[in-house]
Amino acid sequence: MSGPDVADNIWVWAVDPDFDDRSPPSRGETVEEGDDTYKGYLRVRLPQLVNNFFEARRFMLEKYPMVTLWEAAVKSKNIAFVSAHF
């Protein structure tokens, strides 16, 4: 796989440090459409990690807790974090 779109297919798990009842994502775990249970983590695509996720978690923590970011992520095309600007 190569080309400018390769970064759109790379993602990492973002884990909510304040979520109590979680088992961490297992290696190779996927997120299915319609999974409406917050488990304390969400996928973040590489471009968003670099551009928006850090800012949302570091500087807008009260406005955008992880569960809010997750709610937006499950509605996105890639079932992953898109942006903090809804």
C-alpha atoms as a PDB file:
ATOM      1  CA  MET A   1       0.000   0.000   0.000  1.00  0.00           C
ATOM      2  CA  SER A   2       1.420   3.369  -0.950  1.00  0.00           C
ATOM      3  CA  GLY A   3       0.364   6.821  -2.013  1.00  0.00           C
ATOM      4  CA  PRO A   4      -1.137   9.849  -0.312  1.00  0.00           C
ATOM      5  CA  ASP A   5      -4.145   7.935   1.042  1.00  0.00           C
ATOM      6  CA  VAL A   6      -2.066   5.471   3.065  1.00  0.00           C
ATOM      7  CA  ALA A   7      -2.137   7.706   6.187  1.00  0.00           C
ATOM      8  CA  ASP A   8      -5.946   7.625   6.146  1.00  0.00           C
ATOM      9  CA  ASN A   9      -5.802   3.869   6.723  1.00  0.00           C
ATOM     10  CA  ILE A  10      -3.459   4.070   9.726  1.00  0.00           C
ATOM     11  CA  TRP A  11      -5.003   4.491  13.163  1.00  0.00           C
ATOM     12  CA  VAL A  12      -4.299   3.940  16.857  1.00  0.00           C
ATOM     13  CA  TRP A  13      -6.451   3.191  19.891  1.00  0.00           C
ATOM     14  CA  ALA A  14      -6.961   6.169  22.223  1.00  0.00           C
ATOM     15  CA  VAL A  15      -7.707   4.894  25.733  1.00  0.00           C
ATOM     16  CA  ASP A  16      -9.698   6.946  28.252  1.00  0.00           C
ATOM     17  CA  PRO A  17      -7.674   7.061  31.491  1.00  0.00           C
ATOM     18  CA  ASP A  18     -10.782   8.000  33.497  1.00  0.00           C
ATOM     19  CA  PHE A  19     -12.946   5.113  32.312  1.00  0.00           C
ATOM     20  CA  ASP A  20     -13.223   2.489  35.074  1.00  0.00           C
ATOM     21  CA  ASP A  21     -14.939  -0.553  33.602  1.00  0.00           C
ATOM     22  CA  ARG A  22     -12.823  -1.352  30.585  1.00  0.00           C
ATOM     23  CA  SER A  23     -10.856  -4.162  29.203  1.00  0.00           C
ATOM     24  CA  PRO A  24      -8.256  -2.801  26.798  1.00  0.00           C
ATOM     25  CA  PRO A  25      -8.733  -3.355  23.079  1.00  0.00           C
ATOM     26  CA  SER A  26      -7.198  -6.599  21.916  1.00  0.00           C
ATOM     27  CA  ARG A  27      -4.687  -6.794  19.113  1.00  0.00           C
ATOM     28  CA  GLY A  28      -6.521  -6.791  15.795  1.00  0.00           C
ATOM     29  CA  GLU A  29      -9.832  -5.737  17.379  1.00  0.00           C
ATOM     30  CA  THR A  30     -12.142  -3.903  15.026  1.00  0.00           C
ATOM     31  CA  VAL A  31     -15.001  -1.499  15.587  1.00  0.00           C
ATOM     32  CA  GLU A  32     -18.273  -2.474  13.995  1.00  0.00           C
ATOM     33  CA  GLU A  33     -20.949  -0.113  12.745  1.00  0.00           C
ATOM     34  CA  GLY A  34     -23.835   0.090  15.172  1.00  0.00           C
ATOM     35  CA  ASP A  35     -21.692  -0.729  18.221  1.00  0.00           C
ATOM     36  CA  ASP A  36     -23.298   1.757  20.588  1.00  0.00           C
ATOM     37  CA  THR A  37     -21.551   0.857  23.839  1.00  0.00           C
ATOM     38  CA  TYR A  38     -18.745   3.089  25.037  1.00  0.00           C
ATOM     39  CA  LYS A  39     -15.902   0.840  26.174  1.00  0.00           C
ATOM     40  CA  GLY A  40     -13.412   3.530  27.172  1.00  0.00           C
ATOM     41  CA  TYR A  41     -11.479   3.716  23.925  1.00  0.00           C
ATOM     42  CA  LEU A  42     -11.840   4.794  20.321  1.00  0.00           C
ATOM     43  CA  ARG A  43      -9.924   4.694  17.061  1.00  0.00           C
ATOM     44  CA  VAL A  44      -8.048   7.809  15.976  1.00  0.00           C
ATOM     45  CA  ARG A  45      -6.797   8.049  12.405  1.00  0.00           C
ATOM     46  CA  LEU A  46      -3.186   9.195  12.046  1.00  0.00           C
ATOM     47  CA  PRO A  47      -3.928  12.546  10.327  1.00  0.00           C
ATOM     48  CA  GLN A  48      -6.459  13.409  13.045  1.00  0.00           C
ATOM     49  CA  LEU A  49      -4.084  12.361  15.805  1.00  0.00           C
ATOM     50  CA  VAL A  50      -1.532  14.814  14.489  1.00  0.00           C
ATOM     51  CA  ASN A  51      -3.973  17.620  13.652  1.00  0.00           C
ATOM     52  CA  ASN A  52      -6.874  17.555  16.123  1.00  0.00           C
ATOM     53  CA  PHE A  53      -6.968  14.773  18.711  1.00  0.00           C
ATOM     54  CA  PHE A  54      -4.098  16.025  20.871  1.00  0.00           C
ATOM     55  CA  GLU A  55      -5.594  19.520  20.913  1.00  0.00           C
ATOM     56  CA  ALA A  56      -9.033  18.187  21.902  1.00  0.00           C
ATOM     57  CA  ARG A  57      -7.601  16.068  24.723  1.00  0.00           C
ATOM     58  CA  ARG A  58      -5.061  18.585  26.009  1.00  0.00           C
ATOM     59  CA  PHE A  59      -6.819  21.922  25.692  1.00  0.00           C
ATOM     60  CA  MET A  60     -10.553  21.105  25.469  1.00  0.00           C
ATOM     61  CA  LEU A  61     -10.825  18.237  27.944  1.00  0.00           C
ATOM     62  CA  GLU A  62     -13.860  19.632  29.781  1.00  0.00           C
ATOM     63  CA  LYS A  63     -15.697  20.506  26.580  1.00  0.00           C
ATOM     64  CA  TYR A  64     -14.852  17.238  24.795  1.00  0.00           C
ATOM     65  CA  PRO A  65     -14.435  14.284  27.195  1.00  0.00           C
ATOM     66  CA  MET A  66     -13.501  10.949  25.597  1.00  0.00           C
ATOM     67  CA  VAL A  67     -17.097   9.725  25.585  1.00  0.00           C
ATOM     68  CA  THR A  68     -18.134  12.774  23.506  1.00  0.00           C
ATOM     69  CA  LEU A  69     -15.332  12.126  21.024  1.00  0.00           C
ATOM     70  CA  TRP A  70     -16.359   8.458  20.884  1.00  0.00           C
ATOM     71  CA  GLU A  71     -20.009   9.394  20.198  1.00  0.00           C
ATOM     72  CA  ALA A  72     -18.862  11.421  17.187  1.00  0.00           C
ATOM     73  CA  ALA A  73     -16.447   8.690  16.076  1.00  0.00           C
ATOM     74  CA  VAL A  74     -19.080   5.951  15.842  1.00  0.00           C
ATOM     75  CA  LYS A  75     -21.081   8.175  13.495  1.00  0.00           C
ATOM     76  CA  SER A  76     -18.146   8.777  11.143  1.00  0.00           C
ATOM     77  CA  LYS A  77     -17.437   6.935   7.904  1.00  0.00           C
ATOM     78  CA  ASN A  78     -14.351   5.196   9.317  1.00  0.00           C
ATOM     79  CA  ILE A  79     -15.832   4.714  12.806  1.00  0.00           C
ATOM     80  CA  ALA A  80     -12.887   6.754  14.082  1.00  0.00           C
ATOM     81  CA  PHE A  81     -12.212  10.184  15.549  1.00  0.00           C
ATOM     82  CA  VAL A  82     -12.794  12.862  12.938  1.00  0.00           C
ATOM     83  CA  SER A  83     -12.596  16.270  14.597  1.00  0.00           C
ATOM     84  CA  ALA A  84     -13.459  18.126  17.769  1.00  0.00           C
ATOM     85  CA  HIS A  85     -15.337  20.711  15.725  1.00  0.00           C
ATOM     86  CA  PHE A  86     -18.794  19.142  15.367  1.00  0.00           C
END
